[in-house]
Amino acid sequence: MDDRILEPAGLVKALGIEFAEGTPQRVIATMPITSDHLQPLGYLHGGASLALAETVASVGAYLASPPGKVSFGMEINANHLRPKRSGMLRAVGTPLHVGQTTHVWDVKIYDEQEKLVCVSRCTVAIVAVDPAT
């Protein structure tokens, strides 16, 4: 996997997301549930789950793209299926569509008991790298 992905930075670092596997066909990442991941009532914030899902989808799309291309999330939806207060999440992303300019990734987020916590679909834009940026 690309070293830029393996070295956590930004939101990935802040949320404690770590990659366990990364190929063009599947990306697996984990994220702990800490007090920083909770909404005001003390449960896992849906936005934290979405950040995990979009991270997995964007990394997968990047890995599945030709050299000179990068990926950016365009649209994401999710169904939050189970409330969580603590523990470790595992997100598994697989491509549903790999096109030249867009990818669609399915991301399932599980808890330690392999129960689904969230299911998500993310559309990712594939764009040429601008050397000026």
N, C-alpha and C. Protein backbone atom coordinates (compact mmCIF):
# COMPACT_ATOMS: atom_id res chain seq x y z
N MET A 1 0.86 -1.18 0.00
CA MET A 1 0.00 0.00 0.00
C MET A 1 0.90 1.23 0.00
N ASP A 2 0.42 2.30 -0.60
CA ASP A 2 1.13 3.57 -0.70
C ASP A 2 1.50 4.08 0.70
N ASP A 3 2.75 4.49 0.89
CA ASP A 3 3.21 4.97 2.19
C ASP A 3 2.43 6.17 2.70
N ARG A 4 1.90 6.99 1.78
CA ARG A 4 1.11 8.15 2.21
C ARG A 4 -0.15 7.72 2.93
N ILE A 5 -0.66 6.55 2.58
CA ILE A 5 -1.87 6.03 3.22
C ILE A 5 -1.54 5.38 4.55
N LEU A 6 -0.41 4.72 4.61
CA LEU A 6 -0.02 4.03 5.84
C LEU A 6 0.37 4.98 6.96
N GLU A 7 0.83 6.17 6.62
CA GLU A 7 1.21 7.16 7.62
C GLU A 7 0.00 8.04 7.95
N PRO A 8 -0.68 7.76 9.07
CA PRO A 8 -1.90 8.51 9.37
C PRO A 8 -1.65 10.01 9.53
N ALA A 9 -2.58 10.79 9.00
CA ALA A 9 -2.50 12.24 9.11
C ALA A 9 -3.93 12.78 9.13
N GLY A 10 -4.06 14.03 9.52
CA GLY A 10 -5.36 14.71 9.48
C GLY A 10 -6.44 13.98 10.25
N LEU A 11 -7.62 13.90 9.64
CA LEU A 11 -8.78 13.28 10.29
C LEU A 11 -8.55 11.80 10.57
N VAL A 12 -7.85 11.12 9.66
CA VAL A 12 -7.56 9.69 9.85
C VAL A 12 -6.80 9.50 11.16
N LYS A 13 -5.81 10.33 11.40
CA LYS A 13 -5.03 10.25 12.64
C LYS A 13 -5.88 10.62 13.85
N ALA A 14 -6.64 11.70 13.71
CA ALA A 14 -7.47 12.17 14.83
C ALA A 14 -8.49 11.12 15.27
N LEU A 15 -9.03 10.37 14.32
CA LEU A 15 -10.04 9.36 14.64
C LEU A 15 -9.43 8.00 14.99
N GLY A 16 -8.12 7.86 14.83
CA GLY A 16 -7.46 6.60 15.17
C GLY A 16 -7.68 5.50 14.14
N ILE A 17 -7.94 5.87 12.89
CA ILE A 17 -8.17 4.89 11.84
C ILE A 17 -6.84 4.27 11.44
N GLU A 18 -6.83 2.93 11.37
CA GLU A 18 -5.63 2.20 10.95
C GLU A 18 -6.02 1.20 9.87
N PHE A 19 -5.14 1.03 8.89
CA PHE A 19 -5.41 0.12 7.78
C PHE A 19 -4.84 -1.25 8.06
N ALA A 20 -5.67 -2.28 7.87
CA ALA A 20 -5.24 -3.67 8.04
C ALA A 20 -4.96 -4.33 6.70
N GLU A 21 -5.62 -3.86 5.66
CA GLU A 21 -5.46 -4.42 4.32
C GLU A 21 -5.81 -3.36 3.30
N GLY A 22 -5.11 -3.36 2.19
CA GLY A 22 -5.43 -2.40 1.15
C GLY A 22 -5.03 -2.90 -0.22
N THR A 23 -6.02 -3.25 -1.02
CA THR A 23 -5.81 -3.66 -2.40
C THR A 23 -6.88 -2.98 -3.25
N PRO A 24 -6.75 -3.02 -4.58
CA PRO A 24 -7.81 -2.44 -5.42
C PRO A 24 -9.15 -3.17 -5.28
N GLN A 25 -9.14 -4.39 -4.73
CA GLN A 25 -10.36 -5.17 -4.58
C GLN A 25 -10.97 -5.11 -3.18
N ARG A 26 -10.18 -4.69 -2.18
CA ARG A 26 -10.71 -4.66 -0.82
C ARG A 26 -9.81 -3.82 0.08
N VAL A 27 -10.46 -3.02 0.91
CA VAL A 27 -9.75 -2.24 1.93
C VAL A 27 -10.40 -2.55 3.27
N ILE A 28 -9.56 -2.83 4.26
CA ILE A 28 -10.04 -3.06 5.62
C ILE A 28 -9.33 -2.08 6.55
N ALA A 29 -10.10 -1.40 7.38
CA ALA A 29 -9.54 -0.46 8.35
C ALA A 29 -10.29 -0.62 9.67
N THR A 30 -9.61 -0.25 10.74
CA THR A 30 -10.22 -0.29 12.07
C THR A 30 -10.26 1.12 12.65
N MET A 31 -11.19 1.31 13.58
CA MET A 31 -11.29 2.58 14.29
C MET A 31 -11.83 2.30 15.69
N PRO A 32 -11.14 2.78 16.71
CA PRO A 32 -11.66 2.61 18.07
C PRO A 32 -12.83 3.56 18.30
N ILE A 33 -13.68 3.19 19.23
CA ILE A 33 -14.73 4.12 19.66
C ILE A 33 -14.27 4.68 21.00
N THR A 34 -13.93 5.95 20.99
CA THR A 34 -13.51 6.63 22.22
C THR A 34 -14.49 7.78 22.48
N SER A 35 -14.25 8.50 23.54
CA SER A 35 -15.13 9.63 23.85
C SER A 35 -15.13 10.67 22.73
N ASP A 36 -14.06 10.72 21.94
CA ASP A 36 -13.98 11.66 20.83
C ASP A 36 -14.88 11.27 19.66
N HIS A 37 -15.40 10.05 19.66
CA HIS A 37 -16.23 9.54 18.56
C HIS A 37 -17.72 9.56 18.89
N LEU A 38 -18.08 10.11 20.04
CA LEU A 38 -19.46 10.03 20.52
C LEU A 38 -20.24 11.31 20.26
N GLN A 39 -21.55 11.15 20.07
CA GLN A 39 -22.46 12.29 19.98
C GLN A 39 -22.86 12.68 21.40
N PRO A 40 -23.60 13.78 21.58
CA PRO A 40 -23.88 14.28 22.93
C PRO A 40 -24.57 13.29 23.87
N LEU A 41 -25.30 12.31 23.37
CA LEU A 41 -25.97 11.35 24.23
C LEU A 41 -25.09 10.16 24.59
N GLY A 42 -23.85 10.15 24.12
CA GLY A 42 -22.90 9.13 24.51
C GLY A 42 -22.82 7.92 23.59
N TYR A 43 -23.37 8.02 22.41
CA TYR A 43 -23.31 6.91 21.44
C TYR A 43 -22.43 7.31 20.26
N LEU A 44 -21.95 6.31 19.54
CA LEU A 44 -21.14 6.54 18.35
C LEU A 44 -21.82 7.54 17.44
N HIS A 45 -21.10 8.58 17.07
CA HIS A 45 -21.61 9.62 16.19
C HIS A 45 -21.67 9.07 14.76
N GLY A 46 -22.79 9.26 14.08
CA GLY A 46 -22.92 8.81 12.71
C GLY A 46 -21.86 9.41 11.80
N GLY A 47 -21.45 10.62 12.09
CA GLY A 47 -20.41 11.27 11.29
C GLY A 47 -19.07 10.56 11.41
N ALA A 48 -18.79 9.98 12.57
CA ALA A 48 -17.55 9.22 12.73
C ALA A 48 -17.59 7.96 11.86
N SER A 49 -18.74 7.30 11.84
CA SER A 49 -18.90 6.12 10.97
C SER A 49 -18.75 6.51 9.50
N LEU A 50 -19.33 7.64 9.13
CA LEU A 50 -19.22 8.09 7.74
C LEU A 50 -17.78 8.46 7.38
N ALA A 51 -17.07 9.06 8.32
CA ALA A 51 -15.66 9.38 8.06
C ALA A 51 -14.85 8.10 7.83
N LEU A 52 -15.12 7.08 8.62
CA LEU A 52 -14.45 5.79 8.43
C LEU A 52 -14.80 5.20 7.08
N ALA A 53 -16.09 5.19 6.74
CA ALA A 53 -16.53 4.61 5.47
C ALA A 53 -15.94 5.37 4.28
N GLU A 54 -15.96 6.69 4.31
CA GLU A 54 -15.43 7.45 3.18
C GLU A 54 -13.92 7.30 3.07
N THR A 55 -13.25 7.17 4.18
CA THR A 55 -11.81 6.94 4.16
C THR A 55 -11.50 5.62 3.46
N VAL A 56 -12.21 4.57 3.83
CA VAL A 56 -12.00 3.25 3.22
C VAL A 56 -12.29 3.30 1.72
N ALA A 57 -13.41 3.91 1.35
CA ALA A 57 -13.80 3.98 -0.07
C ALA A 57 -12.79 4.81 -0.87
N SER A 58 -12.37 5.93 -0.34
CA SER A 58 -11.44 6.80 -1.06
C SER A 58 -10.07 6.14 -1.23
N VAL A 59 -9.61 5.45 -0.21
CA VAL A 59 -8.33 4.74 -0.31
C VAL A 59 -8.44 3.61 -1.33
N GLY A 60 -9.54 2.86 -1.28
CA GLY A 60 -9.74 1.79 -2.25
C GLY A 60 -9.78 2.31 -3.67
N ALA A 61 -10.49 3.40 -3.88
CA ALA A 61 -10.57 3.98 -5.22
C ALA A 61 -9.20 4.47 -5.68
N TYR A 62 -8.45 5.05 -4.78
CA TYR A 62 -7.09 5.49 -5.13
C TYR A 62 -6.24 4.29 -5.54
N LEU A 63 -6.31 3.22 -4.77
CA LEU A 63 -5.51 2.03 -5.08
C LEU A 63 -5.93 1.38 -6.40
N ALA A 64 -7.19 1.53 -6.76
CA ALA A 64 -7.71 0.93 -8.00
C ALA A 64 -7.56 1.85 -9.21
N SER A 65 -7.01 3.04 -9.00
CA SER A 65 -6.89 4.01 -10.09
C SER A 65 -5.50 3.95 -10.72
N PRO A 66 -5.41 4.38 -11.98
CA PRO A 66 -4.09 4.38 -12.64
C PRO A 66 -3.19 5.46 -12.05
N PRO A 67 -1.89 5.33 -12.26
CA PRO A 67 -0.95 6.36 -11.77
C PRO A 67 -1.34 7.74 -12.30
N GLY A 68 -1.09 8.74 -11.47
CA GLY A 68 -1.41 10.11 -11.87
C GLY A 68 -2.84 10.52 -11.56
N LYS A 69 -3.60 9.65 -10.92
CA LYS A 69 -4.99 9.95 -10.55
C LYS A 69 -5.12 9.89 -9.03
N VAL A 70 -6.02 10.70 -8.50
CA VAL A 70 -6.35 10.68 -7.08
C VAL A 70 -7.86 10.56 -6.92
N SER A 71 -8.30 10.30 -5.71
CA SER A 71 -9.73 10.07 -5.47
C SER A 71 -10.26 11.03 -4.41
N PHE A 72 -11.52 11.43 -4.62
CA PHE A 72 -12.20 12.33 -3.69
C PHE A 72 -13.64 11.86 -3.54
N GLY A 73 -14.13 11.78 -2.32
CA GLY A 73 -15.52 11.42 -2.10
C GLY A 73 -16.45 12.44 -2.73
N MET A 74 -17.47 11.94 -3.45
CA MET A 74 -18.47 12.81 -4.08
C MET A 74 -19.81 12.75 -3.35
N GLU A 75 -20.19 11.53 -2.97
CA GLU A 75 -21.49 11.32 -2.34
C GLU A 75 -21.37 10.11 -1.44
N ILE A 76 -22.04 10.18 -0.31
CA ILE A 76 -22.03 9.04 0.61
C ILE A 76 -23.40 8.93 1.26
N ASN A 77 -23.84 7.70 1.46
CA ASN A 77 -25.05 7.48 2.24
C ASN A 77 -24.78 6.34 3.20
N ALA A 78 -25.58 6.25 4.23
CA ALA A 78 -25.35 5.23 5.23
C ALA A 78 -26.63 4.90 5.97
N ASN A 79 -26.68 3.67 6.43
CA ASN A 79 -27.70 3.24 7.36
C ASN A 79 -26.98 2.83 8.64
N HIS A 80 -27.31 3.50 9.72
CA HIS A 80 -26.72 3.20 11.03
C HIS A 80 -27.64 2.15 11.67
N LEU A 81 -27.12 0.96 11.84
CA LEU A 81 -27.95 -0.19 12.23
C LEU A 81 -27.93 -0.53 13.71
N ARG A 82 -26.85 -0.16 14.40
CA ARG A 82 -26.71 -0.58 15.79
C ARG A 82 -25.98 0.50 16.57
N PRO A 83 -26.50 0.92 17.72
CA PRO A 83 -25.79 1.92 18.52
C PRO A 83 -24.60 1.28 19.24
N LYS A 84 -23.55 2.05 19.38
CA LYS A 84 -22.36 1.59 20.10
C LYS A 84 -21.88 2.71 21.01
N ARG A 85 -21.33 2.34 22.15
CA ARG A 85 -20.76 3.31 23.08
C ARG A 85 -19.24 3.19 23.19
N SER A 86 -18.73 2.00 22.89
CA SER A 86 -17.29 1.75 23.01
C SER A 86 -16.94 0.56 22.14
N GLY A 87 -15.65 0.27 22.08
CA GLY A 87 -15.20 -0.90 21.35
C GLY A 87 -14.37 -0.52 20.13
N MET A 88 -14.25 -1.49 19.24
CA MET A 88 -13.45 -1.33 18.02
C MET A 88 -14.32 -1.65 16.82
N LEU A 89 -14.24 -0.80 15.82
CA LEU A 89 -14.98 -1.01 14.58
C LEU A 89 -14.02 -1.52 13.51
N ARG A 90 -14.55 -2.33 12.60
CA ARG A 90 -13.79 -2.82 11.45
C ARG A 90 -14.62 -2.55 10.20
N ALA A 91 -14.05 -1.77 9.29
CA ALA A 91 -14.73 -1.42 8.05
C ALA A 91 -14.13 -2.22 6.91
N VAL A 92 -15.01 -2.82 6.10
CA VAL A 92 -14.58 -3.60 4.94
C VAL A 92 -15.21 -2.97 3.70
N GLY A 93 -14.36 -2.48 2.81
CA GLY A 93 -14.83 -1.84 1.60
C GLY A 93 -14.51 -2.65 0.36
N THR A 94 -15.48 -2.77 -0.54
CA THR A 94 -15.29 -3.46 -1.82
C THR A 94 -15.93 -2.63 -2.92
N PRO A 95 -15.32 -2.65 -4.12
CA PRO A 95 -15.88 -1.85 -5.21
C PRO A 95 -17.11 -2.50 -5.81
N LEU A 96 -18.12 -1.67 -6.10
CA LEU A 96 -19.29 -2.10 -6.85
C LEU A 96 -19.16 -1.71 -8.31
N HIS A 97 -18.43 -0.61 -8.55
CA HIS A 97 -18.21 -0.10 -9.91
C HIS A 97 -16.87 0.60 -9.94
N VAL A 98 -16.04 0.26 -10.93
CA VAL A 98 -14.75 0.91 -11.11
C VAL A 98 -14.70 1.46 -12.53
N GLY A 99 -14.98 2.75 -12.65
CA GLY A 99 -14.96 3.41 -13.95
C GLY A 99 -13.75 4.30 -14.09
N GLN A 100 -13.65 4.99 -15.21
CA GLN A 100 -12.51 5.88 -15.44
C GLN A 100 -12.58 7.15 -14.62
N THR A 101 -13.81 7.65 -14.37
CA THR A 101 -13.94 8.92 -13.65
C THR A 101 -14.68 8.80 -12.32
N THR A 102 -15.35 7.68 -12.10
CA THR A 102 -16.02 7.46 -10.81
C THR A 102 -15.91 6.00 -10.41
N HIS A 103 -15.89 5.80 -9.11
CA HIS A 103 -15.98 4.47 -8.51
C HIS A 103 -17.13 4.52 -7.52
N VAL A 104 -17.76 3.38 -7.29
CA VAL A 104 -18.76 3.25 -6.24
C VAL A 104 -18.30 2.10 -5.34
N TRP A 105 -18.18 2.41 -4.06
CA TRP A 105 -17.71 1.43 -3.08
C TRP A 105 -18.78 1.13 -2.04
N ASP A 106 -18.87 -0.14 -1.69
CA ASP A 106 -19.73 -0.62 -0.62
C ASP A 106 -18.86 -0.78 0.62
N VAL A 107 -19.27 -0.20 1.73
CA VAL A 107 -18.49 -0.30 2.97
C VAL A 107 -19.40 -0.81 4.07
N LYS A 108 -19.00 -1.89 4.69
CA LYS A 108 -19.73 -2.45 5.83
C LYS A 108 -18.86 -2.28 7.07
N ILE A 109 -19.47 -1.76 8.13
CA ILE A 109 -18.75 -1.53 9.38
C ILE A 109 -19.30 -2.49 10.43
N TYR A 110 -18.39 -3.26 11.04
CA TYR A 110 -18.74 -4.29 12.02
C TYR A 110 -18.17 -3.95 13.39
N ASP A 111 -18.79 -4.50 14.43
CA ASP A 111 -18.21 -4.40 15.77
C ASP A 111 -17.39 -5.65 16.06
N GLU A 112 -16.93 -5.79 17.31
CA GLU A 112 -16.07 -6.92 17.69
C GLU A 112 -16.78 -8.26 17.60
N GLN A 113 -18.10 -8.27 17.66
CA GLN A 113 -18.88 -9.51 17.56
C GLN A 113 -19.31 -9.79 16.12
N GLU A 114 -18.73 -9.05 15.18
CA GLU A 114 -19.06 -9.20 13.75
C GLU A 114 -20.50 -8.81 13.44
N LYS A 115 -21.11 -8.01 14.30
CA LYS A 115 -22.45 -7.49 14.04
C LYS A 115 -22.32 -6.20 13.23
N LEU A 116 -23.21 -6.06 12.24
CA LEU A 116 -23.18 -4.85 11.42
C LEU A 116 -23.59 -3.64 12.25
N VAL A 117 -22.79 -2.62 12.20
CA VAL A 117 -23.08 -1.35 12.87
C VAL A 117 -23.58 -0.33 11.86
N CYS A 118 -23.02 -0.39 10.65
CA CYS A 118 -23.35 0.61 9.62
C CYS A 118 -23.06 0.02 8.25
N VAL A 119 -23.91 0.33 7.29
CA VAL A 119 -23.64 0.00 5.89
C VAL A 119 -23.65 1.31 5.11
N SER A 120 -22.72 1.42 4.17
CA SER A 120 -22.58 2.68 3.45
C SER A 120 -22.23 2.41 1.99
N ARG A 121 -22.63 3.35 1.14
CA ARG A 121 -22.22 3.35 -0.26
C ARG A 121 -21.63 4.72 -0.56
N CYS A 122 -20.45 4.71 -1.17
CA CYS A 122 -19.75 5.96 -1.43
C CYS A 122 -19.36 6.05 -2.90
N THR A 123 -19.74 7.15 -3.53
CA THR A 123 -19.31 7.43 -4.89
C THR A 123 -18.07 8.32 -4.80
N VAL A 124 -17.04 7.92 -5.54
CA VAL A 124 -15.74 8.58 -5.45
C VAL A 124 -15.34 9.10 -6.83
N ALA A 125 -14.93 10.34 -6.89
CA ALA A 125 -14.43 10.93 -8.13
C ALA A 125 -12.97 10.56 -8.33
N ILE A 126 -12.62 10.23 -9.57
CA ILE A 126 -11.23 9.92 -9.93
C ILE A 126 -10.77 11.05 -10.84
N VAL A 127 -9.75 11.79 -10.37
CA VAL A 127 -9.31 12.97 -11.13
C VAL A 127 -7.80 12.94 -11.31
N ALA A 128 -7.35 13.59 -12.37
CA ALA A 128 -5.91 13.70 -12.64
C ALA A 128 -5.25 14.59 -11.60
N VAL A 129 -4.04 14.24 -11.23
CA VAL A 129 -3.27 15.03 -10.28
C VAL A 129 -2.85 16.33 -10.96
N ASP A 130 -3.08 17.44 -10.27
CA ASP A 130 -2.63 18.73 -10.76
C ASP A 130 -1.25 18.99 -10.16
N PRO A 131 -0.20 18.99 -10.98
CA PRO A 131 1.16 19.16 -10.43
C PRO A 131 1.35 20.50 -9.70
N ALA A 132 0.50 21.46 -9.96
CA ALA A 132 0.63 22.78 -9.32
C ALA A 132 0.13 22.79 -7.89
N THR A 133 -0.63 21.75 -7.49
CA THR A 133 -1.18 21.75 -6.12
C THR A 133 -0.52 20.74 -5.24
